[in-house]
Amino acid sequence: MPKESGLEDPSKDIDLMEELLKAEQKITIRLEMRKFNKPTTIIEGIDPKDFRLEDIAKSLKIHCACGGTVKDGKIILQGDQRKRAKEYLKNNGFSGESIMII
């Protein structure tokens, strides 16, 4: 059965828009020492208007096998998870060139 001309799949447009948004993000991953000299990984630069930070944080916590939270538009992970976090973000569509590890 032929497709009617002029009608396109709207899910393709949504996927394309999401890919463009991911490519535009300037993400910074840094290590911060907290109380009692505990290392903490801070991920910032992902726009909370475009992405659900809670969902990304949940997936990151599973991937890195650590605890964490979302606070003030930042994803906070326990421990030094900089390399794992960058790997996860690259594998999920974020541009590797736009992710900076400090």
C-alpha atoms as a PDB file:
ATOM      1  CA  MET A   1       0.000   0.000   0.000  1.00  0.00           C
ATOM      2  CA  PRO A   2       1.657   3.311  -1.065  1.00  0.00           C
ATOM      3  CA  LYS A   3       2.103   6.149   1.390  1.00  0.00           C
ATOM      4  CA  GLU A   4       0.094   9.278   0.816  1.00  0.00           C
ATOM      5  CA  SER A   5       2.284  12.074  -0.439  1.00  0.00           C
ATOM      6  CA  GLY A   6       2.814  15.032   1.882  1.00  0.00           C
ATOM      7  CA  LEU A   7       2.553  13.008   5.075  1.00  0.00           C
ATOM      8  CA  GLU A   8       5.780  12.258   6.901  1.00  0.00           C
ATOM      9  CA  ASP A   9       6.478  10.414  10.102  1.00  0.00           C
ATOM     10  CA  PRO A  10       6.560  13.041  12.904  1.00  0.00           C
ATOM     11  CA  SER A  11       8.738  10.799  15.097  1.00  0.00           C
ATOM     12  CA  LYS A  12      11.602  11.263  12.602  1.00  0.00           C
ATOM     13  CA  ASP A  13      11.406  15.029  13.111  1.00  0.00           C
ATOM     14  CA  ILE A  14      11.490  14.595  16.897  1.00  0.00           C
ATOM     15  CA  ASP A  15      14.516  12.277  16.693  1.00  0.00           C
ATOM     16  CA  LEU A  16      16.342  14.707  14.406  1.00  0.00           C
ATOM     17  CA  MET A  17      15.571  17.622  16.716  1.00  0.00           C
ATOM     18  CA  GLU A  18      16.848  15.669  19.731  1.00  0.00           C
ATOM     19  CA  GLU A  19      20.089  14.818  17.898  1.00  0.00           C
ATOM     20  CA  LEU A  20      20.618  18.486  17.033  1.00  0.00           C
ATOM     21  CA  LEU A  21      19.995  19.525  20.641  1.00  0.00           C
ATOM     22  CA  LYS A  22      22.491  16.936  21.890  1.00  0.00           C
ATOM     23  CA  ALA A  23      25.134  18.190  19.463  1.00  0.00           C
ATOM     24  CA  GLU A  24      24.686  21.787  20.660  1.00  0.00           C
ATOM     25  CA  GLN A  25      25.238  21.064  24.367  1.00  0.00           C
ATOM     26  CA  LYS A  26      28.550  22.250  25.879  1.00  0.00           C
ATOM     27  CA  ILE A  27      29.039  19.765  28.712  1.00  0.00           C
ATOM     28  CA  THR A  28      31.647  20.087  31.450  1.00  0.00           C
ATOM     29  CA  ILE A  29      32.567  17.118  33.638  1.00  0.00           C
ATOM     30  CA  ARG A  30      34.708  17.999  36.637  1.00  0.00           C
ATOM     31  CA  LEU A  31      35.918  16.455  39.850  1.00  0.00           C
ATOM     32  CA  GLU A  32      35.276  18.215  43.121  1.00  0.00           C
ATOM     33  CA  MET A  33      36.454  17.199  46.567  1.00  0.00           C
ATOM     34  CA  ARG A  34      33.649  17.413  49.125  1.00  0.00           C
ATOM     35  CA  LYS A  35      33.446  16.920  52.862  1.00  0.00           C
ATOM     36  CA  PHE A  36      35.870  14.445  54.392  1.00  0.00           C
ATOM     37  CA  ASN A  37      37.945  14.493  51.183  1.00  0.00           C
ATOM     38  CA  LYS A  38      35.297  12.569  49.190  1.00  0.00           C
ATOM     39  CA  PRO A  39      35.586  12.848  45.379  1.00  0.00           C
ATOM     40  CA  THR A  40      32.423  13.931  43.570  1.00  0.00           C
ATOM     41  CA  THR A  41      31.836  14.182  39.812  1.00  0.00           C
ATOM     42  CA  ILE A  42      29.842  17.221  38.652  1.00  0.00           C
ATOM     43  CA  ILE A  43      28.252  17.221  35.169  1.00  0.00           C
ATOM     44  CA  GLU A  44      26.938  20.577  34.006  1.00  0.00           C
ATOM     45  CA  GLY A  45      25.928  22.177  30.747  1.00  0.00           C
ATOM     46  CA  ILE A  46      23.025  19.901  29.813  1.00  0.00           C
ATOM     47  CA  ASP A  47      20.012  22.156  29.361  1.00  0.00           C
ATOM     48  CA  PRO A  48      17.212  21.041  31.713  1.00  0.00           C
ATOM     49  CA  LYS A  49      14.657  22.627  29.346  1.00  0.00           C
ATOM     50  CA  ASP A  50      15.653  20.241  26.552  1.00  0.00           C
ATOM     51  CA  PHE A  51      16.416  17.049  28.520  1.00  0.00           C
ATOM     52  CA  ARG A  52      15.119  15.384  31.680  1.00  0.00           C
ATOM     53  CA  LEU A  53      18.175  15.502  33.916  1.00  0.00           C
ATOM     54  CA  GLU A  54      16.596  13.027  36.339  1.00  0.00           C
ATOM     55  CA  ASP A  55      16.410  10.376  33.608  1.00  0.00           C
ATOM     56  CA  ILE A  56      19.990  11.003  32.469  1.00  0.00           C
ATOM     57  CA  ALA A  57      21.200  10.903  36.084  1.00  0.00           C
ATOM     58  CA  LYS A  58      19.374   7.629  36.721  1.00  0.00           C
ATOM     59  CA  SER A  59      20.984   6.013  33.674  1.00  0.00           C
ATOM     60  CA  LEU A  60      24.408   7.414  34.594  1.00  0.00           C
ATOM     61  CA  LYS A  61      24.121   6.034  38.130  1.00  0.00           C
ATOM     62  CA  ILE A  62      23.351   2.588  36.734  1.00  0.00           C
ATOM     63  CA  HIS A  63      26.163   2.795  34.158  1.00  0.00           C
ATOM     64  CA  CYS A  64      28.729   3.998  36.708  1.00  0.00           C
ATOM     65  CA  ALA A  65      27.430   1.827  39.579  1.00  0.00           C
ATOM     66  CA  CYS A  66      27.365   4.758  41.986  1.00  0.00           C
ATOM     67  CA  GLY A  67      24.996   7.049  43.828  1.00  0.00           C
ATOM     68  CA  GLY A  68      24.074  10.519  42.722  1.00  0.00           C
ATOM     69  CA  THR A  69      21.472  13.237  42.392  1.00  0.00           C
ATOM     70  CA  VAL A  70      20.354  16.252  40.352  1.00  0.00           C
ATOM     71  CA  LYS A  71      20.667  19.649  41.989  1.00  0.00           C
ATOM     72  CA  ASP A  72      20.564  23.189  40.546  1.00  0.00           C
ATOM     73  CA  GLY A  73      20.699  21.940  36.941  1.00  0.00           C
ATOM     74  CA  LYS A  74      23.757  19.775  37.607  1.00  0.00           C
ATOM     75  CA  ILE A  75      24.148  16.011  37.803  1.00  0.00           C
ATOM     76  CA  ILE A  76      26.206  15.001  40.838  1.00  0.00           C
ATOM     77  CA  LEU A  77      27.735  11.516  41.012  1.00  0.00           C
ATOM     78  CA  GLN A  78      29.619   9.965  43.904  1.00  0.00           C
ATOM     79  CA  GLY A  79      33.266   9.137  43.236  1.00  0.00           C
ATOM     80  CA  ASP A  80      35.530   9.907  40.303  1.00  0.00           C
ATOM     81  CA  GLN A  81      33.276   8.962  37.365  1.00  0.00           C
ATOM     82  CA  ARG A  82      34.636  11.404  34.759  1.00  0.00           C
ATOM     83  CA  LYS A  83      35.736   8.850  32.131  1.00  0.00           C
ATOM     84  CA  ARG A  84      32.675   6.633  32.538  1.00  0.00           C
ATOM     85  CA  ALA A  85      30.322   9.617  32.367  1.00  0.00           C
ATOM     86  CA  LYS A  86      31.928  10.904  29.155  1.00  0.00           C
ATOM     87  CA  GLU A  87      31.789   7.425  27.629  1.00  0.00           C
ATOM     88  CA  TYR A  88      28.098   7.104  28.530  1.00  0.00           C
ATOM     89  CA  LEU A  89      27.200  10.534  27.142  1.00  0.00           C
ATOM     90  CA  LYS A  90      29.089   9.874  23.876  1.00  0.00           C
ATOM     91  CA  ASN A  91      27.347   6.514  23.461  1.00  0.00           C
ATOM     92  CA  ASN A  92      23.974   8.192  23.947  1.00  0.00           C
ATOM     93  CA  GLY A  93      24.257  10.797  21.226  1.00  0.00           C
ATOM     94  CA  PHE A  94      26.080  13.721  22.818  1.00  0.00           C
ATOM     95  CA  SER A  95      29.002  15.024  20.764  1.00  0.00           C
ATOM     96  CA  GLY A  96      32.377  13.910  22.121  1.00  0.00           C
ATOM     97  CA  GLU A  97      33.961  17.201  21.018  1.00  0.00           C
ATOM     98  CA  SER A  98      31.526  19.200  23.137  1.00  0.00           C
ATOM     99  CA  ILE A  99      32.268  17.238  26.332  1.00  0.00           C
ATOM    100  CA  MET A 100      35.151  18.693  28.317  1.00  0.00           C
ATOM    101  CA  ILE A 101      36.701  16.877  31.281  1.00  0.00           C
ATOM    102  CA  ILE A 102      38.377  19.014  33.925  1.00  0.00           C
END
